[in-house]
PDB file of all heavy atoms in Angstrom:
ATOM      1  N   LEU A   1       0.803  -1.221  -0.001  1.00  0.00           N
ATOM      2  CA  LEU A   1       0.000   0.002   0.001  1.00  0.00           C
ATOM      3  C   LEU A   1       0.837   1.270   0.003  1.00  0.00           C
ATOM      4  O   LEU A   1       0.353   2.333  -0.361  1.00  0.00           O
ATOM      5  CB  LEU A   1      -0.919  -0.001   1.223  1.00  0.00           C
ATOM      6  CG  LEU A   1      -1.947  -1.142   1.267  1.00  0.00           C
ATOM      7  CD1 LEU A   1      -2.686  -1.147   2.587  1.00  0.00           C
ATOM      8  CD2 LEU A   1      -2.927  -1.011   0.105  1.00  0.00           C
ATOM      9  N   GLU A   2       2.095   1.172   0.450  1.00  0.00           N
ATOM     10  CA  GLU A   2       2.944   2.360   0.507  1.00  0.00           C
ATOM     11  C   GLU A   2       3.399   2.778  -0.881  1.00  0.00           C
ATOM     12  O   GLU A   2       3.854   1.954  -1.667  1.00  0.00           O
ATOM     13  CB  GLU A   2       4.163   2.067   1.377  1.00  0.00           C
ATOM     14  CG  GLU A   2       5.046   3.285   1.598  1.00  0.00           C
ATOM     15  CD  GLU A   2       6.183   2.975   2.566  1.00  0.00           C
ATOM     16  OE1 GLU A   2       5.888   2.582   3.697  1.00  0.00           O
ATOM     17  OE2 GLU A   2       7.341   3.099   2.161  1.00  0.00           O
ATOM     18  N   PRO A   3       3.260   4.077  -1.213  1.00  0.00           N
ATOM     19  CA  PRO A   3       3.731   4.531  -2.538  1.00  0.00           C
ATOM     20  C   PRO A   3       5.217   4.221  -2.728  1.00  0.00           C
ATOM     21  O   PRO A   3       6.030   4.437  -1.827  1.00  0.00           O
ATOM     22  CB  PRO A   3       3.494   6.056  -2.482  1.00  0.00           C
ATOM     23  CG  PRO A   3       2.481   6.256  -1.407  1.00  0.00           C
ATOM     24  CD  PRO A   3       2.706   5.154  -0.415  1.00  0.00           C
ATOM     25  N   ARG A   4       5.543   3.691  -3.880  1.00  0.00           N
ATOM     26  CA  ARG A   4       6.925   3.278  -4.152  1.00  0.00           C
ATOM     27  C   ARG A   4       7.751   4.497  -4.562  1.00  0.00           C
ATOM     28  O   ARG A   4       7.510   5.116  -5.608  1.00  0.00           O
ATOM     29  CB  ARG A   4       6.928   2.249  -5.293  1.00  0.00           C
ATOM     30  CG  ARG A   4       8.240   1.503  -5.424  1.00  0.00           C
ATOM     31  CD  ARG A   4       8.437   0.596  -4.225  1.00  0.00           C
ATOM     32  NE  ARG A   4       9.605  -0.245  -4.377  1.00  0.00           N
ATOM     33  CZ  ARG A   4      10.035  -1.059  -3.448  1.00  0.00           C
ATOM     34  NH1 ARG A   4       9.410  -1.126  -2.304  1.00  0.00           N
ATOM     35  NH2 ARG A   4      11.096  -1.811  -3.649  1.00  0.00           N
ATOM     36  N   THR A   5       8.664   4.878  -3.736  1.00  0.00           N
ATOM     37  CA  THR A   5       9.531   6.011  -4.046  1.00  0.00           C
ATOM     38  C   THR A   5      10.980   5.591  -3.901  1.00  0.00           C
ATOM     39  O   THR A   5      11.332   4.833  -2.989  1.00  0.00           O
ATOM     40  CB  THR A   5       9.259   7.193  -3.098  1.00  0.00           C
ATOM     41  OG1 THR A   5       9.420   6.768  -1.746  1.00  0.00           O
ATOM     42  CG2 THR A   5       7.842   7.742  -3.301  1.00  0.00           C
ATOM     43  N   GLU A   6      11.801   6.088  -4.758  1.00  0.00           N
ATOM     44  CA  GLU A   6      13.236   5.769  -4.695  1.00  0.00           C
ATOM     45  C   GLU A   6      13.890   6.610  -3.611  1.00  0.00           C
ATOM     46  O   GLU A   6      13.610   7.795  -3.463  1.00  0.00           O
ATOM     47  CB  GLU A   6      13.876   6.072  -6.050  1.00  0.00           C
ATOM     48  CG  GLU A   6      15.347   5.717  -6.104  1.00  0.00           C
ATOM     49  CD  GLU A   6      15.978   6.089  -7.459  1.00  0.00           C
ATOM     50  OE1 GLU A   6      15.217   6.474  -8.357  1.00  0.00           O
ATOM     51  OE2 GLU A   6      17.197   6.008  -7.568  1.00  0.00           O
ATOM     52  N   PHE A   7      14.747   5.973  -2.818  1.00  0.00           N
ATOM     53  CA  PHE A   7      15.457   6.700  -1.765  1.00  0.00           C
ATOM     54  C   PHE A   7      16.712   7.319  -2.337  1.00  0.00           C
ATOM     55  O   PHE A   7      17.548   6.620  -2.927  1.00  0.00           O
ATOM     56  CB  PHE A   7      15.808   5.757  -0.620  1.00  0.00           C
ATOM     57  CG  PHE A   7      16.564   6.426   0.490  1.00  0.00           C
ATOM     58  CD1 PHE A   7      15.974   7.419   1.259  1.00  0.00           C
ATOM     59  CD2 PHE A   7      17.886   6.073   0.765  1.00  0.00           C
ATOM     60  CE1 PHE A   7      16.667   8.050   2.274  1.00  0.00           C
ATOM     61  CE2 PHE A   7      18.595   6.708   1.779  1.00  0.00           C
ATOM     62  CZ  PHE A   7      17.974   7.696   2.539  1.00  0.00           C
ATOM     63  N   ARG A   8      16.849   8.627  -2.179  1.00  0.00           N
ATOM     64  CA  ARG A   8      18.031   9.356  -2.673  1.00  0.00           C
ATOM     65  C   ARG A   8      18.821   9.836  -1.461  1.00  0.00           C
ATOM     66  O   ARG A   8      18.512  10.895  -0.884  1.00  0.00           O
ATOM     67  CB  ARG A   8      17.606  10.526  -3.561  1.00  0.00           C
ATOM     68  CG  ARG A   8      16.924  10.087  -4.852  1.00  0.00           C
ATOM     69  CD  ARG A   8      16.535  11.293  -5.706  1.00  0.00           C
ATOM     70  NE  ARG A   8      16.032  10.881  -7.003  1.00  0.00           N
ATOM     71  CZ  ARG A   8      14.785  10.524  -7.249  1.00  0.00           C
ATOM     72  NH1 ARG A   8      13.892  10.528  -6.264  1.00  0.00           N
ATOM     73  NH2 ARG A   8      14.409  10.162  -8.469  1.00  0.00           N
ATOM     74  N   PRO A   9      19.825   9.093  -1.054  1.00  0.00           N
ATOM     75  CA  PRO A   9      20.532   9.414   0.201  1.00  0.00           C
ATOM     76  C   PRO A   9      21.195  10.789   0.200  1.00  0.00           C
ATOM     77  O   PRO A   9      21.212  11.450   1.237  1.00  0.00           O
ATOM     78  CB  PRO A   9      21.578   8.294   0.310  1.00  0.00           C
ATOM     79  CG  PRO A   9      21.667   7.682  -1.047  1.00  0.00           C
ATOM     80  CD  PRO A   9      20.344   7.873  -1.682  1.00  0.00           C
ATOM     81  N   TYR A  10      21.740  11.218  -0.946  1.00  0.00           N
ATOM     82  CA  TYR A  10      22.505  12.473  -0.938  1.00  0.00           C
ATOM     83  C   TYR A  10      21.633  13.685  -0.635  1.00  0.00           C
ATOM     84  O   TYR A  10      22.105  14.674  -0.059  1.00  0.00           O
ATOM     85  CB  TYR A  10      23.234  12.669  -2.270  1.00  0.00           C
ATOM     86  CG  TYR A  10      24.338  13.708  -2.179  1.00  0.00           C
ATOM     87  CD1 TYR A  10      25.570  13.378  -1.615  1.00  0.00           C
ATOM     88  CD2 TYR A  10      24.129  15.016  -2.611  1.00  0.00           C
ATOM     89  CE1 TYR A  10      26.571  14.326  -1.496  1.00  0.00           C
ATOM     90  CE2 TYR A  10      25.132  15.973  -2.499  1.00  0.00           C
ATOM     91  CZ  TYR A  10      26.351  15.617  -1.940  1.00  0.00           C
ATOM     92  OH  TYR A  10      27.339  16.566  -1.810  1.00  0.00           O
ATOM     93  N   THR A  11      20.342  13.616  -1.007  1.00  0.00           N
ATOM     94  CA  THR A  11      19.460  14.759  -0.773  1.00  0.00           C
ATOM     95  C   THR A  11      18.497  14.522   0.402  1.00  0.00           C
ATOM     96  O   THR A  11      17.760  15.438   0.783  1.00  0.00           O
ATOM     97  CB  THR A  11      18.628  15.062  -2.039  1.00  0.00           C
ATOM     98  OG1 THR A  11      17.898  13.886  -2.407  1.00  0.00           O
ATOM     99  CG2 THR A  11      19.532  15.482  -3.193  1.00  0.00           C
ATOM    100  N   SER A  12      18.497  13.345   0.967  1.00  0.00           N
ATOM    101  CA  SER A  12      17.560  13.034   2.053  1.00  0.00           C
ATOM    102  C   SER A  12      17.960  13.725   3.352  1.00  0.00           C
ATOM    103  O   SER A  12      19.156  13.865   3.658  1.00  0.00           O
ATOM    104  CB  SER A  12      17.513  11.516   2.281  1.00  0.00           C
ATOM    105  OG  SER A  12      16.712  11.213   3.399  1.00  0.00           O
ATOM    106  N   ALA A  13      16.954  14.159   4.102  1.00  0.00           N
ATOM    107  CA  ALA A  13      17.165  14.735   5.437  1.00  0.00           C
ATOM    108  C   ALA A  13      16.517  13.849   6.503  1.00  0.00           C
ATOM    109  O   ALA A  13      16.140  14.320   7.567  1.00  0.00           O
ATOM    110  CB  ALA A  13      16.613  16.145   5.501  1.00  0.00           C
ATOM    111  N   ARG A  14      16.398  12.591   6.206  1.00  0.00           N
ATOM    112  CA  ARG A  14      15.727  11.632   7.085  1.00  0.00           C
ATOM    113  C   ARG A  14      16.499  11.458   8.399  1.00  0.00           C
ATOM    114  O   ARG A  14      17.721  11.605   8.456  1.00  0.00           O
ATOM    115  CB  ARG A  14      15.635  10.281   6.374  1.00  0.00           C
ATOM    116  CG  ARG A  14      14.795   9.269   7.106  1.00  0.00           C
ATOM    117  CD  ARG A  14      14.780   7.945   6.381  1.00  0.00           C
ATOM    118  NE  ARG A  14      13.887   7.022   7.032  1.00  0.00           N
ATOM    119  CZ  ARG A  14      12.611   6.866   6.712  1.00  0.00           C
ATOM    120  NH1 ARG A  14      12.092   7.560   5.724  1.00  0.00           N
ATOM    121  NH2 ARG A  14      11.855   6.003   7.361  1.00  0.00           N
ATOM    122  N   VAL A  15      15.772  11.170   9.470  1.00  0.00           N
ATOM    123  CA  VAL A  15      16.369  10.857  10.766  1.00  0.00           C
ATOM    124  C   VAL A  15      16.343   9.331  10.950  1.00  0.00           C
ATOM    125  O   VAL A  15      15.279   8.707  10.883  1.00  0.00           O
ATOM    126  CB  VAL A  15      15.611  11.525  11.927  1.00  0.00           C
ATOM    127  CG1 VAL A  15      16.221  11.119  13.269  1.00  0.00           C
ATOM    128  CG2 VAL A  15      15.636  13.039  11.774  1.00  0.00           C
ATOM    129  N   PHE A  16      17.501   8.739  11.145  1.00  0.00           N
ATOM    130  CA  PHE A  16      17.593   7.314  11.462  1.00  0.00           C
ATOM    131  C   PHE A  16      17.908   7.159  12.944  1.00  0.00           C
ATOM    132  O   PHE A  16      18.869   7.756  13.442  1.00  0.00           O
ATOM    133  CB  PHE A  16      18.714   6.637  10.651  1.00  0.00           C
ATOM    134  CG  PHE A  16      18.388   6.457   9.193  1.00  0.00           C
ATOM    135  CD1 PHE A  16      19.076   7.191   8.231  1.00  0.00           C
ATOM    136  CD2 PHE A  16      17.419   5.565   8.777  1.00  0.00           C
ATOM    137  CE1 PHE A  16      18.798   7.024   6.890  1.00  0.00           C
ATOM    138  CE2 PHE A  16      17.137   5.378   7.437  1.00  0.00           C
ATOM    139  CZ  PHE A  16      17.818   6.121   6.487  1.00  0.00           C
ATOM    140  N   ARG A  17      17.093   6.374  13.632  1.00  0.00           N
ATOM    141  CA  ARG A  17      17.325   6.109  15.061  1.00  0.00           C
ATOM    142  C   ARG A  17      17.875   4.689  15.208  1.00  0.00           C
ATOM    143  O   ARG A  17      17.207   3.727  14.841  1.00  0.00           O
ATOM    144  CB  ARG A  17      16.037   6.292  15.858  1.00  0.00           C
ATOM    145  CG  ARG A  17      15.632   7.767  15.929  1.00  0.00           C
ATOM    146  CD  ARG A  17      14.415   8.021  16.792  1.00  0.00           C
ATOM    147  NE  ARG A  17      14.242   9.457  16.948  1.00  0.00           N
ATOM    148  CZ  ARG A  17      13.592  10.224  16.068  1.00  0.00           C
ATOM    149  NH1 ARG A  17      13.044   9.685  14.995  1.00  0.00           N
ATOM    150  NH2 ARG A  17      13.484  11.527  16.265  1.00  0.00           N
ATOM    151  N   ILE A  18      19.088   4.604  15.724  1.00  0.00           N
ATOM    152  CA  ILE A  18      19.802   3.336  15.785  1.00  0.00           C
ATOM    153  C   ILE A  18      20.222   3.057  17.224  1.00  0.00           C
ATOM    154  O   ILE A  18      20.887   3.865  17.858  1.00  0.00           O
ATOM    155  CB  ILE A  18      21.062   3.366  14.891  1.00  0.00           C
ATOM    156  CG1 ILE A  18      20.705   3.782  13.459  1.00  0.00           C
ATOM    157  CG2 ILE A  18      21.761   2.025  14.899  1.00  0.00           C
ATOM    158  CD1 ILE A  18      21.912   4.026  12.577  1.00  0.00           C
ATOM    159  N   MET A  19      19.806   1.906  17.740  1.00  0.00           N
ATOM    160  CA  MET A  19      20.271   1.489  19.047  1.00  0.00           C
ATOM    161  C   MET A  19      21.620   0.799  18.879  1.00  0.00           C
ATOM    162  O   MET A  19      21.740  -0.146  18.095  1.00  0.00           O
ATOM    163  CB  MET A  19      19.282   0.545  19.707  1.00  0.00           C
ATOM    164  CG  MET A  19      19.622   0.243  21.184  1.00  0.00           C
ATOM    165  SD  MET A  19      20.994  -0.914  21.407  1.00  0.00           S
ATOM    166  CE  MET A  19      20.186  -2.454  21.087  1.00  0.00           C
ATOM    167  N   THR A  20      22.644   1.261  19.584  1.00  0.00           N
ATOM    168  CA  THR A  20      23.961   0.642  19.518  1.00  0.00           C
ATOM    169  C   THR A  20      24.482   0.377  20.928  1.00  0.00           C
ATOM    170  O   THR A  20      24.312   1.194  21.821  1.00  0.00           O
ATOM    171  CB  THR A  20      24.987   1.537  18.791  1.00  0.00           C
ATOM    172  OG1 THR A  20      25.054   2.814  19.442  1.00  0.00           O
ATOM    173  CG2 THR A  20      24.606   1.735  17.338  1.00  0.00           C
ATOM    174  N   SER A  21      25.101  -0.764  21.085  1.00  0.00           N
ATOM    175  CA  SER A  21      25.814  -1.022  22.338  1.00  0.00           C
ATOM    176  C   SER A  21      27.034  -0.120  22.391  1.00  0.00           C
ATOM    177  O   SER A  21      27.465   0.440  21.377  1.00  0.00           O
ATOM    178  CB  SER A  21      26.249  -2.479  22.399  1.00  0.00           C
ATOM    179  OG  SER A  21      27.153  -2.766  21.338  1.00  0.00           O
ATOM    180  N   ASP A  22      27.605   0.033  23.591  1.00  0.00           N
ATOM    181  CA  ASP A  22      28.811   0.857  23.725  1.00  0.00           C
ATOM    182  C   ASP A  22      29.939   0.271  22.885  1.00  0.00           C
ATOM    183  O   ASP A  22      30.762   1.004  22.328  1.00  0.00           O
ATOM    184  CB  ASP A  22      29.213   0.929  25.192  1.00  0.00           C
ATOM    185  CG  ASP A  22      30.214   2.049  25.461  1.00  0.00           C
ATOM    186  OD1 ASP A  22      29.904   3.191  25.111  1.00  0.00           O
ATOM    187  OD2 ASP A  22      31.292   1.766  25.996  1.00  0.00           O
ATOM    188  N   TYR A  23      29.978  -1.053  22.782  1.00  0.00           N
ATOM    189  CA  TYR A  23      30.991  -1.715  21.956  1.00  0.00           C
ATOM    190  C   TYR A  23      30.854  -1.294  20.493  1.00  0.00           C
ATOM    191  O   TYR A  23      31.834  -0.912  19.846  1.00  0.00           O
ATOM    192  CB  TYR A  23      30.850  -3.239  22.088  1.00  0.00           C
ATOM    193  CG  TYR A  23      31.571  -4.007  21.020  1.00  0.00           C
ATOM    194  CD1 TYR A  23      32.960  -4.187  21.067  1.00  0.00           C
ATOM    195  CD2 TYR A  23      30.882  -4.558  19.936  1.00  0.00           C
ATOM    196  CE1 TYR A  23      33.623  -4.892  20.084  1.00  0.00           C
ATOM    197  CE2 TYR A  23      31.542  -5.262  18.952  1.00  0.00           C
ATOM    198  CZ  TYR A  23      32.909  -5.424  19.024  1.00  0.00           C
ATOM    199  OH  TYR A  23      33.574  -6.125  18.038  1.00  0.00           O
ATOM    200  N   ALA A  24      29.637  -1.358  19.948  1.00  0.00           N
ATOM    201  CA  ALA A  24      29.422  -0.976  18.552  1.00  0.00           C
ATOM    202  C   ALA A  24      29.715   0.500  18.331  1.00  0.00           C
ATOM    203  O   ALA A  24      30.257   0.897  17.290  1.00  0.00           O
ATOM    204  CB  ALA A  24      27.989  -1.298  18.136  1.00  0.00           C
ATOM    205  N   GLU A  25      29.355   1.326  19.322  1.00  0.00           N
ATOM    206  CA  GLU A  25      29.594   2.763  19.173  1.00  0.00           C
ATOM    207  C   GLU A  25      31.090   3.083  19.199  1.00  0.00           C
ATOM    208  O   GLU A  25      31.541   4.014  18.543  1.00  0.00           O
ATOM    209  CB  GLU A  25      28.865   3.526  20.281  1.00  0.00           C
ATOM    210  CG  GLU A  25      28.786   5.002  20.022  1.00  0.00           C
ATOM    211  CD  GLU A  25      27.627   5.674  20.743  1.00  0.00           C
ATOM    212  OE1 GLU A  25      26.771   4.973  21.305  1.00  0.00           O
ATOM    213  OE2 GLU A  25      27.592   6.913  20.744  1.00  0.00           O
ATOM    214  N   ALA A  26      31.865   2.285  19.942  1.00  0.00           N
ATOM    215  CA  ALA A  26      33.307   2.523  20.001  1.00  0.00           C
ATOM    216  C   ALA A  26      34.042   2.041  18.759  1.00  0.00           C
ATOM    217  O   ALA A  26      35.072   2.610  18.374  1.00  0.00           O
ATOM    218  CB  ALA A  26      33.889   1.827  21.238  1.00  0.00           C
ATOM    219  N   THR A  27      33.515   1.009  18.099  1.00  0.00           N
ATOM    220  CA  THR A  27      34.250   0.389  16.995  1.00  0.00           C
ATOM    221  C   THR A  27      33.675   0.712  15.621  1.00  0.00           C
ATOM    222  O   THR A  27      34.382   1.164  14.736  1.00  0.00           O
ATOM    223  CB  THR A  27      34.260  -1.141  17.178  1.00  0.00           C
ATOM    224  OG1 THR A  27      32.908  -1.611  17.308  1.00  0.00           O
ATOM    225  CG2 THR A  27      35.049  -1.527  18.425  1.00  0.00           C
ATOM    226  N   LEU A  28      32.388   0.480  15.442  1.00  0.00           N
ATOM    227  CA  LEU A  28      31.763   0.601  14.121  1.00  0.00           C
ATOM    228  C   LEU A  28      31.261   2.005  13.808  1.00  0.00           C
ATOM    229  O   LEU A  28      31.391   2.486  12.680  1.00  0.00           O
ATOM    230  CB  LEU A  28      30.603  -0.404  14.031  1.00  0.00           C
ATOM    231  CG  LEU A  28      29.779  -0.399  12.737  1.00  0.00           C
ATOM    232  CD1 LEU A  28      30.631  -0.803  11.535  1.00  0.00           C
ATOM    233  CD2 LEU A  28      28.579  -1.342  12.871  1.00  0.00           C
ATOM    234  N   VAL A  29      30.679   2.668  14.802  1.00  0.00           N
ATOM    235  CA  VAL A  29      29.981   3.936  14.560  1.00  0.00           C
ATOM    236  C   VAL A  29      30.879   5.032  13.978  1.00  0.00           C
ATOM    237  O   VAL A  29      30.451   5.755  13.063  1.00  0.00           O
ATOM    238  CB  VAL A  29      29.262   4.404  15.839  1.00  0.00           C
ATOM    239  CG1 VAL A  29      28.837   5.872  15.723  1.00  0.00           C
ATOM    240  CG2 VAL A  29      28.040   3.530  16.091  1.00  0.00           C
ATOM    241  N   PRO A  30      32.122   5.218  14.456  1.00  0.00           N
ATOM    242  CA  PRO A  30      32.940   6.286  13.849  1.00  0.00           C
ATOM    243  C   PRO A  30      33.110   6.132  12.337  1.00  0.00           C
ATOM    244  O   PRO A  30      33.023   7.124  11.601  1.00  0.00           O
ATOM    245  CB  PRO A  30      34.290   6.139  14.580  1.00  0.00           C
ATOM    246  CG  PRO A  30      33.919   5.563  15.907  1.00  0.00           C
ATOM    247  CD  PRO A  30      32.805   4.605  15.625  1.00  0.00           C
ATOM    248  N   ARG A  31      33.321   4.913  11.882  1.00  0.00           N
ATOM    249  CA  ARG A  31      33.462   4.700  10.443  1.00  0.00           C
ATOM    250  C   ARG A  31      32.122   4.846   9.718  1.00  0.00           C
ATOM    251  O   ARG A  31      32.070   5.300   8.574  1.00  0.00           O
ATOM    252  CB  ARG A  31      34.053   3.310  10.186  1.00  0.00           C
ATOM    253  CG  ARG A  31      35.530   3.202  10.578  1.00  0.00           C
ATOM    254  CD  ARG A  31      36.408   4.005   9.603  1.00  0.00           C
ATOM    255  NE  ARG A  31      36.369   3.426   8.283  1.00  0.00           N
ATOM    256  CZ  ARG A  31      37.209   2.482   7.853  1.00  0.00           C
ATOM    257  NH1 ARG A  31      38.149   2.014   8.648  1.00  0.00           N
ATOM    258  NH2 ARG A  31      37.110   2.006   6.628  1.00  0.00           N
TER     259      ARG A  31
END
């Protein structure tokens, strides 16, 4: 039912909410 739209990351201002453990935030998140 959702209208099909292409996601354009370079122009998007979307907010992504991501739960990360402290381990993931120390290692993966900076990159």
